[in-house]
């Protein structure tokens, strides 16, 4: 098994940051060897001018789309539907659509950055709402998509969303 490809596959499938210890355990290597693999993978992406990049968050790592390809990602969607939305906002909307109901903290964890601005924008435009709260300390809001989201994106239901590998 090619360990570098194994790391890449795990990070792609995870869709969220993976701890270095978990990653090392999955591919059965020591932390030092894992760091060498990550550095090699990082350099490979740079050398290839890849659309992918590794993002590190303390003791976690994530495979993400390189920011220089934001315009292409935006073009992936019908521009009339997504006009006025940046890549970050579309990413937040996608996370909510596929993982709803979901809290802001869960969205931030998946993305690795704050999503406050995107959440406000999506609420202001009526594409998401927070009708319920999670029954835990602090009662965080649970975000879901709206009927307007379905209409604007020509979906009959959430079942019409394209399949994604998780």
C-alpha atoms as a PDB file:
ATOM      1  CA  UNK A   1       0.000   0.000   0.000  1.00  0.00           C
ATOM      2  CA  UNK A   2       1.314   3.439  -0.931  1.00  0.00           C
ATOM      3  CA  UNK A   3       1.225   5.280   2.404  1.00  0.00           C
ATOM      4  CA  UNK A   4       1.105   8.737   0.826  1.00  0.00           C
ATOM      5  CA  UNK A   5      -1.963   7.745  -1.219  1.00  0.00           C
ATOM      6  CA  UNK A   6      -3.484   6.169   1.904  1.00  0.00           C
ATOM      7  CA  UNK A   7      -3.108   9.468   3.795  1.00  0.00           C
ATOM      8  CA  UNK A   8      -4.637  11.337   0.867  1.00  0.00           C
ATOM      9  CA  UNK A   9      -7.565   8.915   0.638  1.00  0.00           C
ATOM     10  CA  UNK A  10      -8.326   9.071   4.358  1.00  0.00           C
ATOM     11  CA  UNK A  11      -8.235  12.878   4.395  1.00  0.00           C
ATOM     12  CA  UNK A  12     -10.432  13.110   1.306  1.00  0.00           C
ATOM     13  CA  UNK A  13     -13.000  10.724   2.757  1.00  0.00           C
ATOM     14  CA  UNK A  14     -13.026  12.400   6.190  1.00  0.00           C
ATOM     15  CA  UNK A  15     -14.306  15.813   4.980  1.00  0.00           C
ATOM     16  CA  UNK A  16     -13.114  17.274   8.278  1.00  0.00           C
ATOM     17  CA  UNK A  17      -9.772  17.633  10.060  1.00  0.00           C
ATOM     18  CA  UNK A  18      -8.282  14.333  11.256  1.00  0.00           C
ATOM     19  CA  UNK A  19      -6.008  14.160  14.291  1.00  0.00           C
ATOM     20  CA  UNK A  20      -2.408  13.218  13.586  1.00  0.00           C
ATOM     21  CA  UNK A  21      -2.608  10.396  16.124  1.00  0.00           C
ATOM     22  CA  UNK A  22      -5.708   8.921  14.459  1.00  0.00           C
ATOM     23  CA  UNK A  23      -4.143   9.223  11.009  1.00  0.00           C
ATOM     24  CA  UNK A  24      -0.902   7.582  12.181  1.00  0.00           C
ATOM     25  CA  UNK A  25      -2.906   4.766  13.754  1.00  0.00           C
ATOM     26  CA  UNK A  26      -4.950   4.174  10.594  1.00  0.00           C
ATOM     27  CA  UNK A  27      -1.919   3.808   8.343  1.00  0.00           C
ATOM     28  CA  UNK A  28       0.170   2.189  11.096  1.00  0.00           C
ATOM     29  CA  UNK A  29       3.135   4.577  11.209  1.00  0.00           C
ATOM     30  CA  UNK A  30       4.885   6.614  13.901  1.00  0.00           C
ATOM     31  CA  UNK A  31       4.198  10.347  14.209  1.00  0.00           C
ATOM     32  CA  UNK A  32       7.601  11.280  12.740  1.00  0.00           C
ATOM     33  CA  UNK A  33       6.987   9.127   9.664  1.00  0.00           C
ATOM     34  CA  UNK A  34       3.487  10.598   9.304  1.00  0.00           C
ATOM     35  CA  UNK A  35       4.899  14.132   9.397  1.00  0.00           C
ATOM     36  CA  UNK A  36       7.367  13.152   6.659  1.00  0.00           C
ATOM     37  CA  UNK A  37       4.490  11.754   4.575  1.00  0.00           C
ATOM     38  CA  UNK A  38       2.440  14.923   5.089  1.00  0.00           C
ATOM     39  CA  UNK A  39       5.371  17.144   4.109  1.00  0.00           C
ATOM     40  CA  UNK A  40       5.959  15.052   0.982  1.00  0.00           C
ATOM     41  CA  UNK A  41       2.271  15.196   0.066  1.00  0.00           C
ATOM     42  CA  UNK A  42       2.213  18.939   0.685  1.00  0.00           C
ATOM     43  CA  UNK A  43       5.244  19.424  -1.558  1.00  0.00           C
ATOM     44  CA  UNK A  44       3.718  17.179  -4.219  1.00  0.00           C
ATOM     45  CA  UNK A  45       0.601  19.374  -4.318  1.00  0.00           C
ATOM     46  CA  UNK A  46       2.748  22.506  -4.596  1.00  0.00           C
ATOM     47  CA  UNK A  47       4.940  21.042  -7.343  1.00  0.00           C
ATOM     48  CA  UNK A  48       1.920  19.846  -9.336  1.00  0.00           C
ATOM     49  CA  UNK A  49       0.101  23.158  -8.796  1.00  0.00           C
ATOM     50  CA  UNK A  50      -2.685  20.912  -7.545  1.00  0.00           C
ATOM     51  CA  UNK A  51      -6.210  22.023  -6.813  1.00  0.00           C
ATOM     52  CA  UNK A  52      -5.779  20.374  -3.428  1.00  0.00           C
ATOM     53  CA  UNK A  53      -3.817  21.476  -0.409  1.00  0.00           C
ATOM     54  CA  UNK A  54      -3.198  20.278   3.120  1.00  0.00           C
ATOM     55  CA  UNK A  55      -4.417  22.525   5.901  1.00  0.00           C
ATOM     56  CA  UNK A  56      -3.106  22.041   9.420  1.00  0.00           C
ATOM     57  CA  UNK A  57      -5.032  22.976  12.546  1.00  0.00           C
ATOM     58  CA  UNK A  58      -2.852  22.313  15.571  1.00  0.00           C
ATOM     59  CA  UNK A  59      -2.644  18.524  15.837  1.00  0.00           C
ATOM     60  CA  UNK A  60      -5.137  17.972  13.006  1.00  0.00           C
ATOM     61  CA  UNK A  61      -4.829  18.005   9.227  1.00  0.00           C
ATOM     62  CA  UNK A  62      -7.387  18.351   6.441  1.00  0.00           C
ATOM     63  CA  UNK A  63      -7.383  17.989   2.671  1.00  0.00           C
ATOM     64  CA  UNK A  64      -9.029  21.034   1.106  1.00  0.00           C
ATOM     65  CA  UNK A  65      -9.523  22.782  -2.209  1.00  0.00           C
ATOM     66  CA  UNK A  66      -6.786  25.303  -2.884  1.00  0.00           C
ATOM     67  CA  UNK A  67      -8.123  28.861  -2.563  1.00  0.00           C
ATOM     68  CA  UNK A  68      -6.808  29.846  -5.981  1.00  0.00           C
ATOM     69  CA  UNK A  69      -9.548  27.662  -7.501  1.00  0.00           C
ATOM     70  CA  UNK A  70     -12.458  29.454  -5.786  1.00  0.00           C
ATOM     71  CA  UNK A  71     -13.748  30.820  -9.094  1.00  0.00           C
ATOM     72  CA  UNK A  72     -13.868  27.354 -10.632  1.00  0.00           C
ATOM     73  CA  UNK A  73     -15.783  26.003  -7.665  1.00  0.00           C
ATOM     74  CA  UNK A  74     -18.244  28.875  -7.955  1.00  0.00           C
ATOM     75  CA  UNK A  75     -18.608  28.155 -11.682  1.00  0.00           C
ATOM     76  CA  UNK A  76     -19.466  24.553 -10.847  1.00  0.00           C
ATOM     77  CA  UNK A  77     -22.839  25.844  -9.720  1.00  0.00           C
ATOM     78  CA  UNK A  78     -25.276  27.687 -11.951  1.00  0.00           C
ATOM     79  CA  UNK A  79     -24.010  31.263 -11.713  1.00  0.00           C
ATOM     80  CA  UNK A  80     -27.514  32.729 -11.685  1.00  0.00           C
ATOM     81  CA  UNK A  81     -28.249  30.771  -8.531  1.00  0.00           C
ATOM     82  CA  UNK A  82     -24.979  31.482  -6.791  1.00  0.00           C
ATOM     83  CA  UNK A  83     -24.360  35.056  -7.910  1.00  0.00           C
ATOM     84  CA  UNK A  84     -23.229  37.106  -4.950  1.00  0.00           C
ATOM     85  CA  UNK A  85     -22.024  34.118  -2.957  1.00  0.00           C
ATOM     86  CA  UNK A  86     -18.346  33.511  -2.345  1.00  0.00           C
ATOM     87  CA  UNK A  87     -16.798  30.073  -2.122  1.00  0.00           C
ATOM     88  CA  UNK A  88     -16.913  30.148   1.689  1.00  0.00           C
ATOM     89  CA  UNK A  89     -20.645  30.904   1.733  1.00  0.00           C
ATOM     90  CA  UNK A  90     -21.343  28.167  -0.811  1.00  0.00           C
ATOM     91  CA  UNK A  91     -19.273  25.777   1.289  1.00  0.00           C
ATOM     92  CA  UNK A  92     -21.342  26.617   4.398  1.00  0.00           C
ATOM     93  CA  UNK A  93     -24.580  26.208   2.435  1.00  0.00           C
ATOM     94  CA  UNK A  94     -23.425  22.822   1.139  1.00  0.00           C
ATOM     95  CA  UNK A  95     -22.496  21.637   4.625  1.00  0.00           C
ATOM     96  CA  UNK A  96     -25.919  22.638   5.954  1.00  0.00           C
ATOM     97  CA  UNK A  97     -27.745  21.062   3.000  1.00  0.00           C
ATOM     98  CA  UNK A  98     -26.032  17.708   3.454  1.00  0.00           C
ATOM     99  CA  UNK A  99     -25.647  17.577   7.252  1.00  0.00           C
ATOM    100  CA  UNK A 100     -28.749  19.342   8.566  1.00  0.00           C
ATOM    101  CA  UNK A 101     -29.759  19.994  11.230  1.00  0.00           C
ATOM    102  CA  UNK A 102     -26.337  21.266  12.249  1.00  0.00           C
ATOM    103  CA  UNK A 103     -24.932  23.792  14.735  1.00  0.00           C
ATOM    104  CA  UNK A 104     -22.578  26.675  13.973  1.00  0.00           C
ATOM    105  CA  UNK A 105     -19.877  24.956  16.030  1.00  0.00           C
ATOM    106  CA  UNK A 106     -20.210  21.796  13.942  1.00  0.00           C
ATOM    107  CA  UNK A 107     -19.973  23.822  10.718  1.00  0.00           C
ATOM    108  CA  UNK A 108     -16.916  25.683  12.022  1.00  0.00           C
ATOM    109  CA  UNK A 109     -15.327  22.371  13.003  1.00  0.00           C
ATOM    110  CA  UNK A 110     -15.843  20.911   9.525  1.00  0.00           C
ATOM    111  CA  UNK A 111     -14.450  24.037   7.840  1.00  0.00           C
ATOM    112  CA  UNK A 112     -11.743  24.821  10.367  1.00  0.00           C
ATOM    113  CA  UNK A 113     -12.692  28.519  10.366  1.00  0.00           C
ATOM    114  CA  UNK A 114     -15.516  30.738  11.607  1.00  0.00           C
ATOM    115  CA  UNK A 115     -18.715  30.699   9.555  1.00  0.00           C
ATOM    116  CA  UNK A 116     -20.545  33.585  11.239  1.00  0.00           C
ATOM    117  CA  UNK A 117     -20.571  35.915   8.213  1.00  0.00           C
ATOM    118  CA  UNK A 118     -21.759  33.210   5.815  1.00  0.00           C
ATOM    119  CA  UNK A 119     -24.490  32.085   8.220  1.00  0.00           C
ATOM    120  CA  UNK A 120     -25.788  35.659   8.558  1.00  0.00           C
ATOM    121  CA  UNK A 121     -25.742  36.156   4.784  1.00  0.00           C
ATOM    122  CA  UNK A 122     -27.553  32.879   4.117  1.00  0.00           C
ATOM    123  CA  UNK A 123     -30.172  33.675   6.771  1.00  0.00           C
ATOM    124  CA  UNK A 124     -30.641  37.205   5.414  1.00  0.00           C
ATOM    125  CA  UNK A 125     -31.252  35.745   1.947  1.00  0.00           C
ATOM    126  CA  UNK A 126     -33.699  33.198   3.325  1.00  0.00           C
ATOM    127  CA  UNK A 127     -31.756  30.101   2.276  1.00  0.00           C
ATOM    128  CA  UNK A 128     -31.262  28.772   5.816  1.00  0.00           C
ATOM    129  CA  UNK A 129     -33.061  29.115   9.109  1.00  0.00           C
ATOM    130  CA  UNK A 130     -32.540  28.248  12.744  1.00  0.00           C
ATOM    131  CA  UNK A 131     -35.916  27.116  14.057  1.00  0.00           C
ATOM    132  CA  UNK A 132     -34.733  24.677  16.698  1.00  0.00           C
ATOM    133  CA  UNK A 133     -31.976  24.391  19.272  1.00  0.00           C
ATOM    134  CA  UNK A 134     -29.863  21.462  20.378  1.00  0.00           C
ATOM    135  CA  UNK A 135     -30.799  20.206  23.847  1.00  0.00           C
ATOM    136  CA  UNK A 136     -27.354  20.702  25.416  1.00  0.00           C
ATOM    137  CA  UNK A 137     -25.760  23.392  27.557  1.00  0.00           C
ATOM    138  CA  UNK A 138     -26.027  26.713  25.760  1.00  0.00           C
ATOM    139  CA  UNK A 139     -28.832  25.476  23.494  1.00  0.00           C
ATOM    140  CA  UNK A 140     -27.011  26.163  20.205  1.00  0.00           C
ATOM    141  CA  UNK A 141     -29.158  26.893  17.155  1.00  0.00           C
ATOM    142  CA  UNK A 142     -29.714  24.115  14.640  1.00  0.00           C
ATOM    143  CA  UNK A 143     -29.469  25.322  11.045  1.00  0.00           C
ATOM    144  CA  UNK A 144     -31.499  23.837   8.206  1.00  0.00           C
ATOM    145  CA  UNK A 145     -32.192  24.829   4.626  1.00  0.00           C
ATOM    146  CA  UNK A 146     -35.499  26.438   3.671  1.00  0.00           C
ATOM    147  CA  UNK A 147     -38.123  25.990   0.983  1.00  0.00           C
ATOM    148  CA  UNK A 148     -36.536  29.006  -0.736  1.00  0.00           C
ATOM    149  CA  UNK A 149     -33.267  27.062  -0.919  1.00  0.00           C
ATOM    150  CA  UNK A 150     -35.079  24.205  -2.669  1.00  0.00           C
ATOM    151  CA  UNK A 151     -36.799  26.594  -5.087  1.00  0.00           C
ATOM    152  CA  UNK A 152     -33.689  28.659  -5.842  1.00  0.00           C
ATOM    153  CA  UNK A 153     -31.665  25.542  -6.601  1.00  0.00           C
ATOM    154  CA  UNK A 154     -34.488  23.796  -8.510  1.00  0.00           C
ATOM    155  CA  UNK A 155     -34.764  20.906  -6.072  1.00  0.00           C
ATOM    156  CA  UNK A 156     -37.979  19.073  -5.243  1.00  0.00           C
ATOM    157  CA  UNK A 157     -36.505  17.824  -2.001  1.00  0.00           C
ATOM    158  CA  UNK A 158     -33.150  17.303  -0.337  1.00  0.00           C
ATOM    159  CA  UNK A 159     -33.143  13.837  -1.910  1.00  0.00           C
ATOM    160  CA  UNK A 160     -32.430  15.585  -5.226  1.00  0.00           C
ATOM    161  CA  UNK A 161     -29.028  16.789  -3.998  1.00  0.00           C
ATOM    162  CA  UNK A 162     -26.135  15.159  -5.867  1.00  0.00           C
ATOM    163  CA  UNK A 163     -24.568  12.165  -4.127  1.00  0.00           C
ATOM    164  CA  UNK A 164     -21.320  12.853  -2.292  1.00  0.00           C
ATOM    165  CA  UNK A 165     -18.699  10.437  -1.048  1.00  0.00           C
ATOM    166  CA  UNK A 166     -18.262  10.641   2.694  1.00  0.00           C
END
